[in-house]
Amino acid sequence: MQALLLNFITSLSGILPSSTNLRKAYEDGSDEDCLFVSRLALFLGTYLKSFLVFFDLPDGSLAHERFVLESLVYLIRVSEVDDEEIFKTCLEFWSHFAKELYNADVAFKTGRL
C-alpha cells in the first residue's frame, strides 16, 4: 500500500510540482486538465482516507512522512479549486482526517494509545 503512494507522488511531482496553483490551472485549463484535477481529488481523498493508517508507526511517527505530507499538500491545492463536486470530495476527506486527528488526540490525552 505504501509503495503505491510513493510511486504516485514521485511520478506526479515530476509532471506537476506541488507548488502549482491548481485553482488557476483548473480555471484556465482544458477539459482534460479539469478532469485530471477532479480525478486527482478523488484518488488522493479516497486513498488517504482508506490507507493513511498504514503509515502510522508504533512509536507515533509516520512512515514515509515526506510523501504523506506532499500528498496532503496536493490535496490542499486541489481543495482550492472552485468546483462543487471537487469541493465535496475534498470535504469528505478533510472531515475524516480531522475526526481521526481528534480521536488520536483524545486517545493520547487519556493514555489509551
N, C-alpha and C. Protein backbone atom coordinates (compact mmCIF):
# COMPACT_ATOMS: atom_id res chain seq x y z
N MET A 1 0.81 -1.19 0.00
CA MET A 1 0.00 0.00 0.00
C MET A 1 0.86 1.26 0.00
N GLN A 2 1.93 1.24 0.77
CA GLN A 2 2.79 2.43 0.84
C GLN A 2 3.49 2.68 -0.48
N ALA A 3 3.89 1.62 -1.16
CA ALA A 3 4.62 1.77 -2.42
C ALA A 3 3.79 2.49 -3.47
N LEU A 4 2.49 2.26 -3.46
CA LEU A 4 1.62 2.93 -4.43
C LEU A 4 1.69 4.44 -4.26
N LEU A 5 1.57 4.92 -3.04
CA LEU A 5 1.62 6.35 -2.80
C LEU A 5 3.00 6.91 -3.13
N LEU A 6 4.05 6.21 -2.73
CA LEU A 6 5.40 6.68 -3.01
C LEU A 6 5.64 6.82 -4.51
N ASN A 7 5.26 5.81 -5.26
CA ASN A 7 5.44 5.86 -6.72
C ASN A 7 4.55 6.92 -7.35
N PHE A 8 3.33 7.02 -6.88
CA PHE A 8 2.40 8.01 -7.45
C PHE A 8 2.90 9.42 -7.21
N ILE A 9 3.27 9.75 -5.98
CA ILE A 9 3.72 11.11 -5.65
C ILE A 9 5.02 11.42 -6.38
N THR A 10 5.91 10.44 -6.49
CA THR A 10 7.15 10.65 -7.24
C THR A 10 6.85 10.99 -8.70
N SER A 11 5.97 10.23 -9.32
CA SER A 11 5.61 10.48 -10.72
C SER A 11 4.86 11.80 -10.87
N LEU A 12 3.91 12.06 -9.97
CA LEU A 12 3.12 13.28 -10.05
C LEU A 12 3.99 14.52 -9.90
N SER A 13 4.91 14.50 -8.94
CA SER A 13 5.76 15.67 -8.73
C SER A 13 6.69 15.92 -9.91
N GLY A 14 6.96 14.88 -10.69
CA GLY A 14 7.77 15.05 -11.89
C GLY A 14 7.05 15.78 -13.01
N ILE A 15 5.72 15.68 -13.01
CA ILE A 15 4.96 16.36 -14.07
C ILE A 15 4.17 17.57 -13.57
N LEU A 16 3.92 17.61 -12.26
CA LEU A 16 3.12 18.68 -11.68
C LEU A 16 3.65 18.99 -10.29
N PRO A 17 4.52 19.99 -10.16
CA PRO A 17 5.07 20.31 -8.84
C PRO A 17 3.95 20.63 -7.84
N SER A 18 4.17 20.30 -6.58
CA SER A 18 3.15 20.53 -5.56
C SER A 18 2.88 22.02 -5.33
N SER A 19 3.75 22.87 -5.82
CA SER A 19 3.55 24.32 -5.69
C SER A 19 2.64 24.88 -6.78
N THR A 20 2.22 24.06 -7.72
CA THR A 20 1.37 24.50 -8.82
C THR A 20 0.05 25.05 -8.29
N ASN A 21 -0.38 26.16 -8.85
CA ASN A 21 -1.67 26.74 -8.49
C ASN A 21 -2.75 25.97 -9.24
N LEU A 22 -3.30 24.95 -8.61
CA LEU A 22 -4.29 24.10 -9.27
C LEU A 22 -5.61 24.82 -9.51
N ARG A 23 -5.92 25.80 -8.69
CA ARG A 23 -7.14 26.58 -8.92
C ARG A 23 -7.06 27.30 -10.26
N LYS A 24 -5.94 27.94 -10.50
CA LYS A 24 -5.76 28.66 -11.77
C LYS A 24 -5.66 27.68 -12.93
N ALA A 25 -4.95 26.59 -12.72
CA ALA A 25 -4.82 25.58 -13.77
C ALA A 25 -6.19 25.01 -14.12
N TYR A 26 -7.04 24.83 -13.13
CA TYR A 26 -8.39 24.31 -13.37
C TYR A 26 -9.23 25.33 -14.13
N GLU A 27 -9.15 26.60 -13.72
CA GLU A 27 -9.93 27.66 -14.36
C GLU A 27 -9.51 27.87 -15.81
N ASP A 28 -8.21 27.85 -16.06
CA ASP A 28 -7.68 28.15 -17.39
C ASP A 28 -7.45 26.92 -18.25
N GLY A 29 -7.58 25.74 -17.66
CA GLY A 29 -7.21 24.51 -18.35
C GLY A 29 -8.27 23.99 -19.31
N SER A 30 -7.86 23.01 -20.06
CA SER A 30 -8.76 22.34 -20.99
C SER A 30 -9.69 21.41 -20.22
N ASP A 31 -10.61 20.79 -20.92
CA ASP A 31 -11.49 19.81 -20.28
C ASP A 31 -10.69 18.66 -19.69
N GLU A 32 -9.62 18.26 -20.38
CA GLU A 32 -8.77 17.17 -19.88
C GLU A 32 -8.05 17.58 -18.61
N ASP A 33 -7.60 18.84 -18.54
CA ASP A 33 -6.95 19.34 -17.33
C ASP A 33 -7.91 19.34 -16.15
N CYS A 34 -9.13 19.77 -16.40
CA CYS A 34 -10.15 19.80 -15.34
C CYS A 34 -10.48 18.38 -14.88
N LEU A 35 -10.58 17.47 -15.81
CA LEU A 35 -10.84 16.07 -15.47
C LEU A 35 -9.70 15.49 -14.65
N PHE A 36 -8.45 15.85 -15.01
CA PHE A 36 -7.29 15.38 -14.27
C PHE A 36 -7.35 15.85 -12.82
N VAL A 37 -7.65 17.12 -12.62
CA VAL A 37 -7.72 17.67 -11.26
C VAL A 37 -8.85 17.00 -10.48
N SER A 38 -9.96 16.78 -11.12
CA SER A 38 -11.09 16.11 -10.48
C SER A 38 -10.72 14.69 -10.06
N ARG A 39 -10.06 13.98 -10.94
CA ARG A 39 -9.66 12.61 -10.62
C ARG A 39 -8.54 12.57 -9.59
N LEU A 40 -7.69 13.58 -9.60
CA LEU A 40 -6.64 13.67 -8.58
C LEU A 40 -7.27 13.84 -7.21
N ALA A 41 -8.29 14.67 -7.11
CA ALA A 41 -9.00 14.86 -5.84
C ALA A 41 -9.62 13.54 -5.39
N LEU A 42 -10.25 12.85 -6.30
CA LEU A 42 -10.90 11.59 -5.96
C LEU A 42 -9.89 10.54 -5.52
N PHE A 43 -8.79 10.42 -6.27
CA PHE A 43 -7.77 9.43 -5.92
C PHE A 43 -7.14 9.73 -4.56
N LEU A 44 -6.63 10.95 -4.40
CA LEU A 44 -5.94 11.27 -3.15
C LEU A 44 -6.88 11.19 -1.95
N GLY A 45 -8.08 11.73 -2.09
CA GLY A 45 -9.03 11.68 -0.99
C GLY A 45 -9.38 10.26 -0.59
N THR A 46 -9.66 9.42 -1.57
CA THR A 46 -10.03 8.03 -1.30
C THR A 46 -8.85 7.24 -0.76
N TYR A 47 -7.69 7.39 -1.38
CA TYR A 47 -6.51 6.65 -0.94
C TYR A 47 -6.13 7.02 0.49
N LEU A 48 -6.02 8.32 0.75
CA LEU A 48 -5.59 8.75 2.08
C LEU A 48 -6.62 8.39 3.15
N LYS A 49 -7.88 8.50 2.82
CA LYS A 49 -8.92 8.13 3.77
C LYS A 49 -8.84 6.65 4.11
N SER A 50 -8.54 5.84 3.13
CA SER A 50 -8.53 4.40 3.33
C SER A 50 -7.21 3.85 3.87
N PHE A 51 -6.09 4.44 3.48
CA PHE A 51 -4.80 3.81 3.76
C PHE A 51 -3.81 4.64 4.57
N LEU A 52 -4.18 5.83 4.97
CA LEU A 52 -3.25 6.66 5.75
C LEU A 52 -2.85 5.97 7.05
N VAL A 53 -3.74 5.19 7.61
CA VAL A 53 -3.46 4.47 8.85
C VAL A 53 -2.27 3.52 8.70
N PHE A 54 -2.02 3.02 7.51
CA PHE A 54 -0.90 2.10 7.28
C PHE A 54 0.46 2.79 7.34
N PHE A 55 0.47 4.11 7.42
CA PHE A 55 1.72 4.86 7.50
C PHE A 55 2.09 5.17 8.95
N ASP A 56 1.17 4.91 9.87
CA ASP A 56 1.45 5.13 11.30
C ASP A 56 2.42 4.08 11.81
N LEU A 57 3.42 4.53 12.54
CA LEU A 57 4.40 3.63 13.14
C LEU A 57 4.10 3.48 14.63
N PRO A 58 4.53 2.37 15.24
CA PRO A 58 4.24 2.13 16.66
C PRO A 58 4.75 3.23 17.60
N ASP A 59 5.81 3.91 17.21
CA ASP A 59 6.35 4.97 18.08
C ASP A 59 5.63 6.30 17.92
N GLY A 60 4.57 6.32 17.12
CA GLY A 60 3.79 7.54 16.92
C GLY A 60 4.26 8.38 15.75
N SER A 61 5.34 7.99 15.11
CA SER A 61 5.81 8.74 13.95
C SER A 61 5.12 8.23 12.69
N LEU A 62 5.53 8.78 11.58
CA LEU A 62 4.88 8.49 10.31
C LEU A 62 5.91 7.92 9.33
N ALA A 63 5.60 6.77 8.76
CA ALA A 63 6.47 6.18 7.74
C ALA A 63 6.35 7.01 6.47
N HIS A 64 7.47 7.24 5.81
CA HIS A 64 7.50 7.99 4.55
C HIS A 64 6.80 9.35 4.70
N GLU A 65 7.15 10.02 5.76
CA GLU A 65 6.49 11.28 6.12
C GLU A 65 6.50 12.29 4.97
N ARG A 66 7.61 12.39 4.27
CA ARG A 66 7.72 13.37 3.18
C ARG A 66 6.65 13.13 2.12
N PHE A 67 6.40 11.87 1.78
CA PHE A 67 5.42 11.54 0.75
C PHE A 67 3.99 11.78 1.24
N VAL A 68 3.74 11.46 2.48
CA VAL A 68 2.41 11.69 3.04
C VAL A 68 2.13 13.19 3.09
N LEU A 69 3.10 13.96 3.57
CA LEU A 69 2.91 15.41 3.63
C LEU A 69 2.74 16.02 2.24
N GLU A 70 3.50 15.54 1.27
CA GLU A 70 3.36 16.06 -0.09
C GLU A 70 1.99 15.72 -0.66
N SER A 71 1.48 14.53 -0.37
CA SER A 71 0.15 14.17 -0.86
C SER A 71 -0.91 15.07 -0.21
N LEU A 72 -0.72 15.41 1.06
CA LEU A 72 -1.65 16.33 1.72
C LEU A 72 -1.56 17.73 1.12
N VAL A 73 -0.36 18.15 0.74
CA VAL A 73 -0.20 19.45 0.08
C VAL A 73 -0.94 19.46 -1.25
N TYR A 74 -0.81 18.39 -2.02
CA TYR A 74 -1.57 18.29 -3.27
C TYR A 74 -3.06 18.39 -3.00
N LEU A 75 -3.53 17.73 -1.97
CA LEU A 75 -4.96 17.77 -1.66
C LEU A 75 -5.39 19.16 -1.19
N ILE A 76 -4.52 19.86 -0.51
CA ILE A 76 -4.81 21.25 -0.14
C ILE A 76 -4.96 22.09 -1.40
N ARG A 77 -4.04 21.93 -2.34
CA ARG A 77 -4.10 22.68 -3.61
C ARG A 77 -5.39 22.35 -4.37
N VAL A 78 -5.76 21.08 -4.39
CA VAL A 78 -6.99 20.67 -5.08
C VAL A 78 -8.20 21.26 -4.36
N SER A 79 -8.14 21.34 -3.04
CA SER A 79 -9.25 21.88 -2.26
C SER A 79 -9.55 23.34 -2.59
N GLU A 80 -8.59 24.04 -3.15
CA GLU A 80 -8.76 25.44 -3.50
C GLU A 80 -9.53 25.63 -4.81
N VAL A 81 -9.74 24.56 -5.57
CA VAL A 81 -10.42 24.64 -6.86
C VAL A 81 -11.89 24.97 -6.64
N ASP A 82 -12.40 25.86 -7.47
CA ASP A 82 -13.79 26.31 -7.36
C ASP A 82 -14.70 25.41 -8.20
N ASP A 83 -15.02 24.24 -7.63
CA ASP A 83 -15.91 23.29 -8.29
C ASP A 83 -16.65 22.54 -7.19
N GLU A 84 -17.96 22.45 -7.30
CA GLU A 84 -18.76 21.86 -6.23
C GLU A 84 -18.45 20.39 -5.98
N GLU A 85 -18.28 19.61 -7.02
CA GLU A 85 -18.00 18.18 -6.85
C GLU A 85 -16.61 17.95 -6.25
N ILE A 86 -15.65 18.71 -6.71
CA ILE A 86 -14.30 18.60 -6.14
C ILE A 86 -14.32 19.03 -4.68
N PHE A 87 -15.08 20.08 -4.39
CA PHE A 87 -15.21 20.54 -3.01
C PHE A 87 -15.79 19.44 -2.12
N LYS A 88 -16.83 18.76 -2.59
CA LYS A 88 -17.45 17.69 -1.82
C LYS A 88 -16.47 16.54 -1.58
N THR A 89 -15.71 16.20 -2.60
CA THR A 89 -14.72 15.13 -2.48
C THR A 89 -13.67 15.49 -1.44
N CYS A 90 -13.16 16.70 -1.53
CA CYS A 90 -12.13 17.14 -0.58
C CYS A 90 -12.71 17.28 0.83
N LEU A 91 -13.91 17.82 0.92
CA LEU A 91 -14.54 18.00 2.23
C LEU A 91 -14.72 16.66 2.94
N GLU A 92 -15.09 15.64 2.20
CA GLU A 92 -15.25 14.31 2.79
C GLU A 92 -13.94 13.82 3.40
N PHE A 93 -12.83 14.02 2.66
CA PHE A 93 -11.54 13.61 3.21
C PHE A 93 -11.17 14.45 4.42
N TRP A 94 -11.24 15.78 4.31
CA TRP A 94 -10.80 16.64 5.41
C TRP A 94 -11.65 16.41 6.66
N SER A 95 -12.91 16.11 6.49
CA SER A 95 -13.76 15.79 7.63
C SER A 95 -13.28 14.51 8.31
N HIS A 96 -13.00 13.49 7.52
CA HIS A 96 -12.48 12.22 8.06
C HIS A 96 -11.13 12.44 8.74
N PHE A 97 -10.26 13.20 8.10
CA PHE A 97 -8.91 13.47 8.62
C PHE A 97 -8.99 14.20 9.97
N ALA A 98 -9.85 15.21 10.04
CA ALA A 98 -10.00 15.97 11.29
C ALA A 98 -10.53 15.07 12.41
N LYS A 99 -11.48 14.20 12.07
CA LYS A 99 -12.03 13.27 13.06
C LYS A 99 -10.95 12.33 13.58
N GLU A 100 -10.12 11.81 12.68
CA GLU A 100 -9.04 10.90 13.09
C GLU A 100 -8.01 11.63 13.96
N LEU A 101 -7.69 12.87 13.62
CA LEU A 101 -6.76 13.65 14.45
C LEU A 101 -7.34 13.88 15.84
N TYR A 102 -8.61 14.22 15.89
CA TYR A 102 -9.27 14.44 17.18
C TYR A 102 -9.25 13.16 18.02
N ASN A 103 -9.63 12.04 17.41
CA ASN A 103 -9.65 10.77 18.13
C ASN A 103 -8.25 10.38 18.62
N ALA A 104 -7.24 10.64 17.82
CA ALA A 104 -5.86 10.34 18.24
C ALA A 104 -5.45 11.23 19.41
N ASP A 105 -5.85 12.49 19.37
CA ASP A 105 -5.53 13.41 20.46
C ASP A 105 -6.21 12.98 21.75
N VAL A 106 -7.48 12.61 21.67
CA VAL A 106 -8.21 12.15 22.86
C VAL A 106 -7.57 10.88 23.41
N ALA A 107 -7.22 9.95 22.53
CA ALA A 107 -6.59 8.70 22.98
C ALA A 107 -5.26 8.99 23.64
N PHE A 108 -4.50 9.93 23.11
CA PHE A 108 -3.20 10.28 23.70
C PHE A 108 -3.39 10.90 25.08
N LYS A 109 -4.32 11.84 25.18
CA LYS A 109 -4.53 12.52 26.45
C LYS A 109 -5.09 11.61 27.54
N THR A 110 -5.83 10.60 27.16
CA THR A 110 -6.39 9.69 28.14
C THR A 110 -5.51 8.46 28.35
N GLY A 111 -4.39 8.41 27.63
CA GLY A 111 -3.44 7.31 27.81
C GLY A 111 -3.88 6.01 27.19
N ARG A 112 -4.76 6.06 26.19
CA ARG A 112 -5.24 4.83 25.56
C ARG A 112 -4.52 4.51 24.28
N LEU A 113 -3.32 4.97 24.13
CA LEU A 113 -2.54 4.66 22.93
C LEU A 113 -1.88 3.33 23.02
